[in-house]
């Protein structure tokens, strides 16, 4: 989920602005960050408005298409419940410490995890969190680790709360909605968690290497 050195086709207005600035690398980085921020805000607004519109008749009992209901509720739980909770109650980083069998990262080096990463990099879903970009090389790794810890905390909260909703649907005789809600946890929470842990391990291994000194 980290994306560094990735080039995008710039609109003419941005290119003209770059020429005016003389191609200063810092200005280019600032413009790239602004462009990512605008895309992220627009995508968040579209997803939230769409989810609220689908649930305009209420959040429970479930209604409409089970898959759309599960995705809409998952987004609302993540964005409007788990995200605020994560800001109020900061998770202890020790909660996300690597187990012995995770440290080398081989457990997450699977085709399905790489395919999920490719899908994020090549779809608008990769625009959701603009903070998961490595913008300044090694010096930015500590911030990126904190952001990935926060992202994992949000996904765990969403997983827990949405699972409770899925079980409530099963108990309340809405079995199809409950099963779909539980299945959606795989792409919505479990794969993002695995990808975040994979990338956290890679960044941690980079930070553990001694700095090269010239001379």
N, C-alpha and C. Protein backbone atom coordinates (compact mmCIF):
# COMPACT_ATOMS: atom_id res chain seq x y z
N UNK A 1 0.80 -1.19 0.00
CA UNK A 1 0.00 0.00 0.00
C UNK A 1 0.85 1.26 0.00
N UNK A 2 2.10 1.14 0.26
CA UNK A 2 2.95 2.30 0.13
C UNK A 2 3.28 2.51 -1.32
N UNK A 3 3.30 3.76 -1.75
CA UNK A 3 3.55 4.06 -3.15
C UNK A 3 4.53 5.20 -3.22
N UNK A 4 5.73 4.94 -3.62
CA UNK A 4 6.73 5.98 -3.72
C UNK A 4 7.27 6.02 -5.13
N UNK A 5 7.52 7.22 -5.59
CA UNK A 5 8.09 7.38 -6.91
C UNK A 5 7.14 7.01 -8.02
N UNK A 6 5.88 7.00 -7.78
CA UNK A 6 4.89 6.58 -8.77
C UNK A 6 4.47 7.80 -9.56
N UNK A 7 4.50 7.71 -10.90
CA UNK A 7 4.19 8.86 -11.74
C UNK A 7 2.75 8.78 -12.20
N UNK A 8 2.10 9.94 -12.29
CA UNK A 8 0.74 10.04 -12.77
C UNK A 8 0.71 11.06 -13.90
N UNK A 9 -0.24 10.90 -14.81
CA UNK A 9 -0.42 11.86 -15.88
C UNK A 9 -1.02 13.13 -15.29
N UNK A 10 -0.35 14.25 -15.44
CA UNK A 10 -0.82 15.48 -14.84
C UNK A 10 -1.72 16.23 -15.81
N UNK A 11 -2.80 16.86 -15.31
CA UNK A 11 -3.61 17.71 -16.14
C UNK A 11 -2.79 18.90 -16.62
N UNK A 12 -3.26 19.55 -17.70
CA UNK A 12 -2.51 20.66 -18.27
C UNK A 12 -2.31 21.78 -17.25
N UNK A 13 -3.33 22.04 -16.42
CA UNK A 13 -3.21 23.12 -15.45
C UNK A 13 -2.07 22.85 -14.47
N UNK A 14 -1.95 21.60 -14.06
CA UNK A 14 -0.87 21.25 -13.13
C UNK A 14 0.48 21.36 -13.82
N UNK A 15 0.56 20.92 -15.08
CA UNK A 15 1.81 21.00 -15.83
C UNK A 15 2.24 22.46 -16.01
N UNK A 16 1.27 23.33 -16.31
CA UNK A 16 1.59 24.75 -16.46
C UNK A 16 2.10 25.33 -15.15
N UNK A 17 1.47 24.89 -14.05
CA UNK A 17 1.91 25.38 -12.74
C UNK A 17 3.32 24.91 -12.45
N UNK A 18 3.64 23.67 -12.85
CA UNK A 18 4.99 23.16 -12.65
C UNK A 18 6.02 23.96 -13.43
N UNK A 19 5.67 24.31 -14.68
CA UNK A 19 6.59 25.10 -15.49
C UNK A 19 6.82 26.46 -14.86
N UNK A 20 5.75 27.04 -14.30
CA UNK A 20 5.88 28.35 -13.67
C UNK A 20 6.79 28.28 -12.45
N UNK A 21 6.72 27.16 -11.75
CA UNK A 21 7.55 27.00 -10.55
C UNK A 21 8.97 26.55 -10.87
N UNK A 22 9.21 26.28 -12.13
CA UNK A 22 10.57 25.90 -12.51
C UNK A 22 10.91 24.46 -12.20
N UNK A 23 9.89 23.62 -11.96
CA UNK A 23 10.15 22.20 -11.74
C UNK A 23 10.83 21.90 -10.41
N UNK A 24 10.63 22.76 -9.40
CA UNK A 24 11.22 22.54 -8.09
C UNK A 24 10.70 21.24 -7.51
N UNK A 25 11.57 20.31 -7.08
CA UNK A 25 11.10 19.02 -6.55
C UNK A 25 10.16 19.15 -5.37
N UNK A 26 10.42 20.11 -4.47
CA UNK A 26 9.55 20.28 -3.31
C UNK A 26 8.16 20.75 -3.74
N UNK A 27 8.12 21.66 -4.72
CA UNK A 27 6.83 22.13 -5.22
C UNK A 27 6.08 21.01 -5.92
N UNK A 28 6.82 20.19 -6.66
CA UNK A 28 6.18 19.06 -7.34
C UNK A 28 5.61 18.08 -6.32
N UNK A 29 6.34 17.83 -5.24
CA UNK A 29 5.85 16.93 -4.20
C UNK A 29 4.61 17.50 -3.54
N UNK A 30 4.59 18.82 -3.32
CA UNK A 30 3.43 19.46 -2.70
C UNK A 30 2.21 19.36 -3.59
N UNK A 31 2.39 19.59 -4.90
CA UNK A 31 1.28 19.48 -5.84
C UNK A 31 0.75 18.05 -5.92
N UNK A 32 1.65 17.08 -5.88
CA UNK A 32 1.24 15.68 -5.91
C UNK A 32 0.42 15.34 -4.67
N UNK A 33 0.86 15.85 -3.51
CA UNK A 33 0.12 15.60 -2.27
C UNK A 33 -1.25 16.27 -2.31
N UNK A 34 -1.32 17.49 -2.86
CA UNK A 34 -2.61 18.17 -2.97
C UNK A 34 -3.55 17.40 -3.89
N UNK A 35 -3.02 16.89 -4.98
CA UNK A 35 -3.85 16.13 -5.93
C UNK A 35 -4.38 14.86 -5.28
N UNK A 36 -3.53 14.17 -4.52
CA UNK A 36 -3.98 12.96 -3.81
C UNK A 36 -5.04 13.30 -2.78
N UNK A 37 -4.85 14.43 -2.08
CA UNK A 37 -5.82 14.83 -1.06
C UNK A 37 -7.19 15.13 -1.64
N UNK A 38 -7.21 15.82 -2.78
CA UNK A 38 -8.50 16.15 -3.43
C UNK A 38 -9.20 14.88 -3.87
N UNK A 39 -8.45 13.96 -4.47
CA UNK A 39 -9.06 12.70 -4.92
C UNK A 39 -9.62 11.92 -3.73
N UNK A 40 -8.87 11.91 -2.62
CA UNK A 40 -9.30 11.17 -1.45
C UNK A 40 -10.60 11.75 -0.89
N UNK A 41 -10.66 13.08 -0.75
CA UNK A 41 -11.87 13.72 -0.21
C UNK A 41 -13.08 13.43 -1.09
N UNK A 42 -12.90 13.53 -2.40
CA UNK A 42 -14.01 13.27 -3.31
C UNK A 42 -14.49 11.83 -3.20
N UNK A 43 -13.55 10.87 -3.14
CA UNK A 43 -13.92 9.46 -3.05
C UNK A 43 -14.62 9.16 -1.73
N UNK A 44 -14.11 9.71 -0.63
CA UNK A 44 -14.75 9.51 0.66
C UNK A 44 -16.17 10.05 0.67
N UNK A 45 -16.35 11.24 0.07
CA UNK A 45 -17.68 11.84 0.01
C UNK A 45 -18.63 10.99 -0.82
N UNK A 46 -18.17 10.49 -1.96
CA UNK A 46 -19.02 9.68 -2.83
C UNK A 46 -19.44 8.39 -2.13
N UNK A 47 -18.49 7.71 -1.50
CA UNK A 47 -18.80 6.45 -0.82
C UNK A 47 -19.75 6.66 0.35
N UNK A 48 -19.53 7.73 1.11
CA UNK A 48 -20.37 7.98 2.28
C UNK A 48 -21.79 8.37 1.87
N UNK A 49 -21.90 9.27 0.89
CA UNK A 49 -23.23 9.67 0.42
C UNK A 49 -23.97 8.47 -0.18
N UNK A 50 -23.27 7.65 -0.94
CA UNK A 50 -23.89 6.47 -1.52
C UNK A 50 -24.38 5.49 -0.46
N UNK A 51 -23.56 5.26 0.57
CA UNK A 51 -23.96 4.34 1.64
C UNK A 51 -25.14 4.87 2.43
N UNK A 52 -25.14 6.18 2.73
CA UNK A 52 -26.25 6.77 3.45
C UNK A 52 -27.53 6.76 2.62
N UNK A 53 -27.38 7.01 1.33
CA UNK A 53 -28.55 7.00 0.44
C UNK A 53 -29.17 5.61 0.38
N UNK A 54 -28.35 4.58 0.31
CA UNK A 54 -28.88 3.22 0.25
C UNK A 54 -29.62 2.88 1.54
N UNK A 55 -29.15 3.42 2.66
CA UNK A 55 -29.76 3.10 3.96
C UNK A 55 -30.69 4.21 4.45
N UNK A 56 -31.25 4.98 3.54
CA UNK A 56 -32.09 6.10 3.95
C UNK A 56 -33.35 5.63 4.69
N UNK A 57 -33.75 4.38 4.50
CA UNK A 57 -34.92 3.86 5.20
C UNK A 57 -34.57 3.28 6.58
N UNK A 58 -33.30 3.28 6.92
CA UNK A 58 -32.86 2.74 8.20
C UNK A 58 -31.75 1.73 8.02
N UNK A 59 -31.02 1.48 9.09
CA UNK A 59 -29.87 0.59 9.02
C UNK A 59 -30.23 -0.85 9.39
N UNK A 60 -31.31 -1.01 10.14
CA UNK A 60 -31.75 -2.34 10.54
C UNK A 60 -33.26 -2.29 10.73
N UNK A 61 -33.99 -3.33 10.24
CA UNK A 61 -33.52 -4.59 9.66
C UNK A 61 -32.90 -4.39 8.27
N UNK A 62 -32.09 -5.34 7.84
CA UNK A 62 -31.45 -5.23 6.52
C UNK A 62 -32.47 -5.21 5.40
N UNK A 63 -32.07 -4.62 4.30
CA UNK A 63 -32.99 -4.46 3.17
C UNK A 63 -32.20 -4.38 1.88
N UNK A 64 -32.90 -4.55 0.76
CA UNK A 64 -32.27 -4.44 -0.55
C UNK A 64 -31.35 -5.60 -0.85
N UNK A 65 -30.44 -5.36 -1.78
CA UNK A 65 -29.48 -6.39 -2.19
C UNK A 65 -28.53 -6.71 -1.03
N UNK A 66 -28.36 -7.99 -0.65
CA UNK A 66 -27.51 -8.32 0.50
C UNK A 66 -26.06 -7.84 0.36
N UNK A 67 -25.50 -7.96 -0.86
CA UNK A 67 -24.11 -7.55 -1.04
C UNK A 67 -23.97 -6.03 -0.91
N UNK A 68 -24.87 -5.29 -1.54
CA UNK A 68 -24.79 -3.83 -1.45
C UNK A 68 -25.02 -3.39 -0.01
N UNK A 69 -25.96 -4.04 0.67
CA UNK A 69 -26.21 -3.71 2.08
C UNK A 69 -24.95 -3.96 2.91
N UNK A 70 -24.30 -5.10 2.69
CA UNK A 70 -23.10 -5.43 3.46
C UNK A 70 -21.98 -4.43 3.20
N UNK A 71 -21.78 -4.06 1.94
CA UNK A 71 -20.73 -3.10 1.61
C UNK A 71 -21.04 -1.72 2.17
N UNK A 72 -22.31 -1.30 2.04
CA UNK A 72 -22.69 0.02 2.54
C UNK A 72 -22.53 0.10 4.06
N UNK A 73 -23.01 -0.91 4.75
CA UNK A 73 -22.90 -0.91 6.21
C UNK A 73 -21.44 -1.04 6.66
N UNK A 74 -20.66 -1.83 5.94
CA UNK A 74 -19.24 -1.95 6.28
C UNK A 74 -18.54 -0.61 6.16
N UNK A 75 -18.85 0.13 5.11
CA UNK A 75 -18.23 1.44 4.93
C UNK A 75 -18.65 2.41 6.03
N UNK A 76 -19.94 2.44 6.35
CA UNK A 76 -20.43 3.35 7.39
C UNK A 76 -19.84 2.99 8.75
N UNK A 77 -19.76 1.70 9.05
CA UNK A 77 -19.16 1.28 10.32
C UNK A 77 -17.70 1.71 10.38
N UNK A 78 -16.98 1.53 9.28
CA UNK A 78 -15.56 1.87 9.24
C UNK A 78 -15.34 3.37 9.34
N UNK A 79 -16.09 4.14 8.54
CA UNK A 79 -15.82 5.57 8.40
C UNK A 79 -16.47 6.39 9.52
N UNK A 80 -17.65 5.98 9.97
CA UNK A 80 -18.40 6.81 10.91
C UNK A 80 -18.37 6.28 12.35
N UNK A 81 -17.87 5.06 12.55
CA UNK A 81 -17.79 4.51 13.91
C UNK A 81 -16.34 4.15 14.26
N UNK A 82 -15.72 3.26 13.48
CA UNK A 82 -14.38 2.80 13.82
C UNK A 82 -13.34 3.90 13.73
N UNK A 83 -13.44 4.75 12.69
CA UNK A 83 -12.45 5.83 12.53
C UNK A 83 -12.48 6.80 13.71
N UNK A 84 -13.67 7.32 14.11
CA UNK A 84 -13.68 8.19 15.31
C UNK A 84 -13.19 7.50 16.57
N UNK A 85 -13.56 6.22 16.76
CA UNK A 85 -13.10 5.49 17.94
C UNK A 85 -11.58 5.40 17.94
N UNK A 86 -10.99 5.17 16.75
CA UNK A 86 -9.54 5.03 16.67
C UNK A 86 -8.83 6.33 17.02
N UNK A 87 -9.47 7.48 16.74
CA UNK A 87 -8.88 8.77 17.10
C UNK A 87 -8.98 9.02 18.60
N UNK A 88 -10.09 8.60 19.20
CA UNK A 88 -10.30 8.85 20.63
C UNK A 88 -9.47 7.89 21.47
N UNK A 89 -9.50 6.62 21.10
CA UNK A 89 -8.78 5.59 21.87
C UNK A 89 -7.63 5.06 21.01
N UNK A 90 -6.47 5.64 21.20
CA UNK A 90 -5.30 5.22 20.45
C UNK A 90 -4.87 3.81 20.87
N UNK A 91 -4.66 2.97 19.89
CA UNK A 91 -4.27 1.59 20.18
C UNK A 91 -2.79 1.54 20.60
N UNK A 92 -2.52 0.69 21.55
CA UNK A 92 -1.13 0.46 21.95
C UNK A 92 -0.42 -0.30 20.83
N UNK A 93 0.71 0.22 20.33
CA UNK A 93 1.42 -0.49 19.25
C UNK A 93 1.77 -1.93 19.58
N UNK A 94 1.88 -2.25 20.88
CA UNK A 94 2.20 -3.63 21.26
C UNK A 94 1.10 -4.60 20.86
N UNK A 95 -0.13 -4.07 20.68
CA UNK A 95 -1.23 -4.94 20.24
C UNK A 95 -0.95 -5.52 18.86
N UNK A 96 -0.18 -4.78 18.06
CA UNK A 96 0.08 -5.18 16.68
C UNK A 96 1.49 -5.70 16.48
N UNK A 97 2.15 -6.07 17.59
CA UNK A 97 3.51 -6.62 17.48
C UNK A 97 3.49 -7.90 16.68
N UNK A 98 4.56 -8.13 15.94
CA UNK A 98 4.65 -9.32 15.10
C UNK A 98 4.92 -10.56 15.94
N UNK A 99 4.22 -11.63 15.60
CA UNK A 99 4.55 -12.93 16.18
C UNK A 99 5.86 -13.43 15.55
N UNK A 100 6.46 -14.43 16.17
CA UNK A 100 7.75 -14.93 15.67
C UNK A 100 7.64 -15.40 14.22
N UNK A 101 6.52 -16.05 13.89
CA UNK A 101 6.36 -16.60 12.55
C UNK A 101 6.01 -15.54 11.50
N UNK A 102 5.77 -14.28 11.95
CA UNK A 102 5.44 -13.20 11.01
C UNK A 102 6.64 -12.36 10.63
N UNK A 103 7.69 -12.40 11.42
CA UNK A 103 8.74 -11.39 11.30
C UNK A 103 9.40 -11.37 9.93
N UNK A 104 9.59 -12.52 9.32
CA UNK A 104 10.24 -12.55 8.01
C UNK A 104 9.29 -12.17 6.88
N UNK A 105 7.99 -12.17 7.14
CA UNK A 105 7.01 -11.74 6.15
C UNK A 105 6.62 -12.78 5.13
N UNK A 106 7.21 -13.98 5.19
CA UNK A 106 6.91 -14.99 4.16
C UNK A 106 5.45 -15.44 4.22
N UNK A 107 4.85 -15.41 5.42
CA UNK A 107 3.47 -15.86 5.55
C UNK A 107 2.50 -14.99 4.76
N UNK A 108 2.88 -13.72 4.54
CA UNK A 108 2.02 -12.81 3.79
C UNK A 108 2.43 -12.66 2.33
N UNK A 109 3.52 -13.32 1.96
CA UNK A 109 4.00 -13.22 0.58
C UNK A 109 3.28 -14.26 -0.27
N UNK A 110 1.99 -14.07 -0.43
CA UNK A 110 1.14 -15.00 -1.16
C UNK A 110 0.56 -14.32 -2.39
N UNK A 111 0.18 -15.15 -3.36
CA UNK A 111 -0.38 -14.61 -4.58
C UNK A 111 -1.63 -13.81 -4.35
N UNK A 112 -2.49 -14.26 -3.42
CA UNK A 112 -3.74 -13.55 -3.17
C UNK A 112 -3.49 -12.17 -2.55
N UNK A 113 -2.50 -12.08 -1.66
CA UNK A 113 -2.18 -10.79 -1.04
C UNK A 113 -1.57 -9.86 -2.08
N UNK A 114 -0.70 -10.39 -2.94
CA UNK A 114 -0.12 -9.56 -4.01
C UNK A 114 -1.20 -9.11 -4.99
N UNK A 115 -2.17 -9.99 -5.27
CA UNK A 115 -3.26 -9.61 -6.17
C UNK A 115 -4.11 -8.50 -5.54
N UNK A 116 -4.35 -8.60 -4.23
CA UNK A 116 -5.11 -7.55 -3.55
C UNK A 116 -4.35 -6.23 -3.60
N UNK A 117 -3.04 -6.28 -3.40
CA UNK A 117 -2.24 -5.06 -3.48
C UNK A 117 -2.32 -4.46 -4.88
N UNK A 118 -2.23 -5.32 -5.91
CA UNK A 118 -2.32 -4.82 -7.29
C UNK A 118 -3.65 -4.14 -7.52
N UNK A 119 -4.74 -4.73 -7.00
CA UNK A 119 -6.07 -4.14 -7.17
C UNK A 119 -6.15 -2.77 -6.52
N UNK A 120 -5.53 -2.60 -5.36
CA UNK A 120 -5.53 -1.29 -4.70
C UNK A 120 -4.74 -0.27 -5.50
N UNK A 121 -3.58 -0.69 -6.00
CA UNK A 121 -2.72 0.24 -6.74
C UNK A 121 -3.34 0.67 -8.07
N UNK A 122 -4.21 -0.14 -8.63
CA UNK A 122 -4.76 0.14 -9.95
C UNK A 122 -6.26 0.42 -9.91
N UNK A 123 -6.75 0.88 -8.78
CA UNK A 123 -8.16 1.25 -8.67
C UNK A 123 -8.28 2.46 -7.75
N UNK A 124 -9.41 3.17 -7.80
CA UNK A 124 -9.61 4.32 -6.90
C UNK A 124 -9.58 3.96 -5.42
N UNK A 125 -9.71 2.69 -5.07
CA UNK A 125 -9.66 2.31 -3.66
C UNK A 125 -8.32 2.68 -3.02
N UNK A 126 -7.28 2.76 -3.84
CA UNK A 126 -5.98 3.15 -3.32
C UNK A 126 -5.90 4.63 -2.97
N UNK A 127 -6.93 5.40 -3.29
CA UNK A 127 -6.94 6.83 -2.97
C UNK A 127 -7.50 7.11 -1.58
N UNK A 128 -8.09 6.12 -0.92
CA UNK A 128 -8.84 6.39 0.30
C UNK A 128 -7.97 7.01 1.38
N UNK A 129 -6.82 6.44 1.66
CA UNK A 129 -5.96 6.95 2.72
C UNK A 129 -4.70 7.57 2.10
N UNK A 130 -4.68 8.89 2.06
CA UNK A 130 -3.55 9.57 1.43
C UNK A 130 -2.29 9.52 2.29
N UNK A 131 -2.44 9.10 3.54
CA UNK A 131 -1.28 9.06 4.43
C UNK A 131 -0.44 7.81 4.25
N UNK A 132 -0.93 6.84 3.48
CA UNK A 132 -0.17 5.61 3.26
C UNK A 132 0.71 5.74 2.02
N UNK A 133 1.39 6.86 1.92
CA UNK A 133 2.36 7.11 0.86
C UNK A 133 3.69 7.42 1.51
N UNK A 134 4.73 6.81 1.00
CA UNK A 134 6.08 7.11 1.48
C UNK A 134 6.61 8.25 0.64
N UNK A 135 6.79 9.42 1.27
CA UNK A 135 7.11 10.61 0.49
C UNK A 135 8.53 11.11 0.67
N UNK A 136 9.25 10.63 1.68
CA UNK A 136 10.57 11.19 1.93
C UNK A 136 11.61 10.12 2.26
N UNK A 137 11.49 8.97 1.63
CA UNK A 137 12.46 7.92 1.84
C UNK A 137 12.50 7.42 3.27
N UNK A 138 13.67 7.05 3.74
CA UNK A 138 13.84 6.45 5.07
C UNK A 138 13.37 7.38 6.17
N UNK A 139 13.53 8.68 6.00
CA UNK A 139 13.17 9.62 7.06
C UNK A 139 11.66 9.65 7.31
N UNK A 140 10.88 9.15 6.38
CA UNK A 140 9.42 9.16 6.52
C UNK A 140 8.88 7.82 7.01
N UNK A 141 9.76 6.86 7.26
CA UNK A 141 9.31 5.50 7.61
C UNK A 141 8.62 5.45 8.95
N UNK A 142 9.09 6.22 9.94
CA UNK A 142 8.46 6.18 11.26
C UNK A 142 7.01 6.64 11.18
N UNK A 143 6.77 7.73 10.45
CA UNK A 143 5.39 8.21 10.29
C UNK A 143 4.54 7.17 9.59
N UNK A 144 5.10 6.55 8.55
CA UNK A 144 4.35 5.56 7.80
C UNK A 144 3.99 4.36 8.68
N UNK A 145 4.90 3.95 9.55
CA UNK A 145 4.60 2.85 10.48
C UNK A 145 3.43 3.21 11.40
N UNK A 146 3.40 4.45 11.89
CA UNK A 146 2.29 4.88 12.75
C UNK A 146 0.98 4.87 11.98
N UNK A 147 1.01 5.31 10.74
CA UNK A 147 -0.20 5.32 9.92
C UNK A 147 -0.70 3.90 9.67
N UNK A 148 0.21 2.97 9.42
CA UNK A 148 -0.20 1.60 9.18
C UNK A 148 -0.75 0.95 10.44
N UNK A 149 -0.17 1.29 11.61
CA UNK A 149 -0.73 0.80 12.87
C UNK A 149 -2.15 1.30 13.04
N UNK A 150 -2.37 2.60 12.75
CA UNK A 150 -3.71 3.17 12.87
C UNK A 150 -4.68 2.53 11.89
N UNK A 151 -4.22 2.28 10.66
CA UNK A 151 -5.07 1.64 9.67
C UNK A 151 -5.47 0.23 10.10
N UNK A 152 -4.52 -0.50 10.66
CA UNK A 152 -4.84 -1.86 11.11
C UNK A 152 -5.83 -1.82 12.27
N UNK A 153 -5.70 -0.87 13.18
CA UNK A 153 -6.63 -0.72 14.29
C UNK A 153 -8.05 -0.47 13.78
N UNK A 154 -8.19 0.40 12.77
CA UNK A 154 -9.51 0.69 12.20
C UNK A 154 -10.12 -0.57 11.59
N UNK A 155 -9.32 -1.34 10.87
CA UNK A 155 -9.85 -2.56 10.25
C UNK A 155 -10.24 -3.60 11.29
N UNK A 156 -9.48 -3.71 12.38
CA UNK A 156 -9.87 -4.65 13.43
C UNK A 156 -11.17 -4.22 14.10
N UNK A 157 -11.32 -2.93 14.35
CA UNK A 157 -12.57 -2.43 14.93
C UNK A 157 -13.75 -2.70 13.99
N UNK A 158 -13.55 -2.41 12.70
CA UNK A 158 -14.61 -2.65 11.73
C UNK A 158 -14.96 -4.13 11.67
N UNK A 159 -13.95 -4.97 11.67
CA UNK A 159 -14.17 -6.41 11.64
C UNK A 159 -15.03 -6.86 12.84
N UNK A 160 -14.69 -6.37 14.01
CA UNK A 160 -15.41 -6.76 15.22
C UNK A 160 -16.86 -6.27 15.19
N UNK A 161 -17.05 -4.99 14.86
CA UNK A 161 -18.40 -4.42 14.88
C UNK A 161 -19.27 -5.00 13.77
N UNK A 162 -18.72 -5.16 12.57
CA UNK A 162 -19.50 -5.71 11.46
C UNK A 162 -19.82 -7.18 11.68
N UNK A 163 -18.92 -7.90 12.35
CA UNK A 163 -19.20 -9.30 12.66
C UNK A 163 -20.38 -9.41 13.62
N UNK A 164 -20.44 -8.50 14.59
CA UNK A 164 -21.59 -8.48 15.50
C UNK A 164 -22.87 -8.23 14.72
N UNK A 165 -22.84 -7.30 13.77
CA UNK A 165 -24.02 -7.04 12.94
C UNK A 165 -24.39 -8.26 12.12
N UNK A 166 -23.39 -8.95 11.56
CA UNK A 166 -23.66 -10.16 10.79
C UNK A 166 -24.31 -11.24 11.64
N UNK A 167 -23.82 -11.41 12.85
CA UNK A 167 -24.41 -12.41 13.76
C UNK A 167 -25.83 -12.01 14.12
N UNK A 168 -26.06 -10.70 14.33
CA UNK A 168 -27.41 -10.23 14.63
C UNK A 168 -28.36 -10.52 13.48
N UNK A 169 -27.89 -10.40 12.26
CA UNK A 169 -28.73 -10.73 11.10
C UNK A 169 -29.06 -12.22 11.08
N UNK A 170 -28.07 -13.05 11.40
CA UNK A 170 -28.31 -14.50 11.43
C UNK A 170 -29.33 -14.87 12.50
N UNK A 171 -29.17 -14.29 13.68
CA UNK A 171 -30.09 -14.59 14.77
C UNK A 171 -31.48 -14.04 14.49
N UNK A 172 -31.54 -12.90 13.78
CA UNK A 172 -32.82 -12.25 13.51
C UNK A 172 -33.51 -12.75 12.26
N UNK A 173 -33.19 -13.93 11.79
CA UNK A 173 -33.85 -14.55 10.63
C UNK A 173 -33.58 -13.80 9.33
N UNK A 174 -32.41 -13.15 9.24
CA UNK A 174 -31.97 -12.55 7.98
C UNK A 174 -30.67 -13.25 7.57
N UNK A 175 -30.79 -14.55 7.39
CA UNK A 175 -29.60 -15.38 7.22
C UNK A 175 -28.75 -14.96 6.03
N UNK A 176 -29.36 -14.68 4.89
CA UNK A 176 -28.57 -14.30 3.70
C UNK A 176 -27.75 -13.05 3.97
N UNK A 177 -28.37 -12.05 4.60
CA UNK A 177 -27.66 -10.81 4.92
C UNK A 177 -26.52 -11.09 5.90
N UNK A 178 -26.76 -11.97 6.87
CA UNK A 178 -25.72 -12.29 7.83
C UNK A 178 -24.53 -12.99 7.20
N UNK A 179 -24.79 -13.97 6.34
CA UNK A 179 -23.70 -14.70 5.68
C UNK A 179 -22.88 -13.78 4.77
N UNK A 180 -23.58 -12.92 4.02
CA UNK A 180 -22.87 -12.00 3.12
C UNK A 180 -22.04 -11.00 3.93
N UNK A 181 -22.60 -10.50 5.03
CA UNK A 181 -21.86 -9.56 5.87
C UNK A 181 -20.57 -10.21 6.40
N UNK A 182 -20.65 -11.46 6.78
CA UNK A 182 -19.46 -12.15 7.29
C UNK A 182 -18.45 -12.43 6.18
N UNK A 183 -18.95 -12.79 5.00
CA UNK A 183 -18.04 -13.06 3.87
C UNK A 183 -17.33 -11.79 3.40
N UNK A 184 -18.02 -10.66 3.47
CA UNK A 184 -17.42 -9.40 3.03
C UNK A 184 -16.25 -9.00 3.92
N UNK A 185 -16.18 -9.56 5.12
CA UNK A 185 -15.05 -9.25 6.00
C UNK A 185 -13.72 -9.67 5.38
N UNK A 186 -13.74 -10.66 4.49
CA UNK A 186 -12.49 -11.13 3.89
C UNK A 186 -11.82 -10.03 3.05
N UNK A 187 -12.51 -9.46 2.03
CA UNK A 187 -11.85 -8.40 1.26
C UNK A 187 -11.85 -7.05 1.96
N UNK A 188 -12.81 -6.82 2.85
CA UNK A 188 -12.94 -5.49 3.46
C UNK A 188 -12.00 -5.31 4.65
N UNK A 189 -11.72 -6.38 5.38
CA UNK A 189 -10.89 -6.25 6.59
C UNK A 189 -9.69 -7.18 6.63
N UNK A 190 -9.90 -8.47 6.36
CA UNK A 190 -8.81 -9.42 6.55
C UNK A 190 -7.66 -9.21 5.58
N UNK A 191 -7.96 -9.03 4.30
CA UNK A 191 -6.88 -8.79 3.34
C UNK A 191 -6.18 -7.45 3.57
N UNK A 192 -6.92 -6.37 3.86
CA UNK A 192 -6.20 -5.14 4.22
C UNK A 192 -5.29 -5.31 5.43
N UNK A 193 -5.74 -6.06 6.44
CA UNK A 193 -4.90 -6.28 7.61
C UNK A 193 -3.64 -7.06 7.23
N UNK A 194 -3.79 -8.10 6.41
CA UNK A 194 -2.62 -8.88 5.99
C UNK A 194 -1.66 -8.02 5.17
N UNK A 195 -2.20 -7.17 4.30
CA UNK A 195 -1.33 -6.31 3.49
C UNK A 195 -0.63 -5.26 4.34
N UNK A 196 -1.35 -4.70 5.31
CA UNK A 196 -0.72 -3.73 6.21
C UNK A 196 0.40 -4.38 7.02
N UNK A 197 0.18 -5.59 7.50
CA UNK A 197 1.22 -6.26 8.27
C UNK A 197 2.40 -6.64 7.39
N UNK A 198 2.12 -7.01 6.16
CA UNK A 198 3.21 -7.31 5.21
C UNK A 198 4.07 -6.07 4.99
N UNK A 199 3.42 -4.93 4.75
CA UNK A 199 4.17 -3.70 4.48
C UNK A 199 4.86 -3.17 5.74
N UNK A 200 4.20 -3.34 6.90
CA UNK A 200 4.84 -2.93 8.14
C UNK A 200 6.13 -3.70 8.36
N UNK A 201 6.10 -4.99 8.07
CA UNK A 201 7.31 -5.79 8.22
C UNK A 201 8.42 -5.32 7.30
N UNK A 202 8.07 -4.99 6.07
CA UNK A 202 9.08 -4.53 5.12
C UNK A 202 9.69 -3.21 5.57
N UNK A 203 8.84 -2.27 6.04
CA UNK A 203 9.35 -0.98 6.51
C UNK A 203 10.20 -1.17 7.76
N UNK A 204 9.77 -2.03 8.66
CA UNK A 204 10.54 -2.28 9.89
C UNK A 204 11.91 -2.86 9.57
N UNK A 205 11.97 -3.74 8.57
CA UNK A 205 13.27 -4.32 8.21
C UNK A 205 14.18 -3.27 7.59
N UNK A 206 13.60 -2.32 6.85
CA UNK A 206 14.40 -1.23 6.30
C UNK A 206 14.99 -0.38 7.43
N UNK A 207 14.17 -0.07 8.44
CA UNK A 207 14.64 0.75 9.54
C UNK A 207 15.68 0.03 10.39
N UNK A 208 15.63 -1.29 10.41
CA UNK A 208 16.60 -2.05 11.23
C UNK A 208 17.98 -2.13 10.59
N UNK A 209 18.07 -1.78 9.30
CA UNK A 209 19.37 -1.83 8.65
C UNK A 209 20.20 -0.63 9.06
N UNK A 210 21.51 -0.81 9.24
CA UNK A 210 22.36 0.34 9.59
C UNK A 210 22.47 1.32 8.42
N UNK A 211 22.54 2.58 8.77
CA UNK A 211 22.68 3.62 7.73
C UNK A 211 24.05 3.51 7.09
N UNK A 212 24.06 3.70 5.76
CA UNK A 212 25.34 3.71 5.06
C UNK A 212 25.99 5.07 5.19
N UNK A 213 27.24 5.05 5.53
CA UNK A 213 27.97 6.32 5.67
C UNK A 213 29.00 6.40 4.55
N UNK A 214 29.06 7.56 3.96
CA UNK A 214 30.04 7.76 2.87
C UNK A 214 31.42 7.95 3.45
N UNK A 215 32.38 7.53 2.74
CA UNK A 215 33.74 7.75 3.21
C UNK A 215 34.59 6.56 2.95
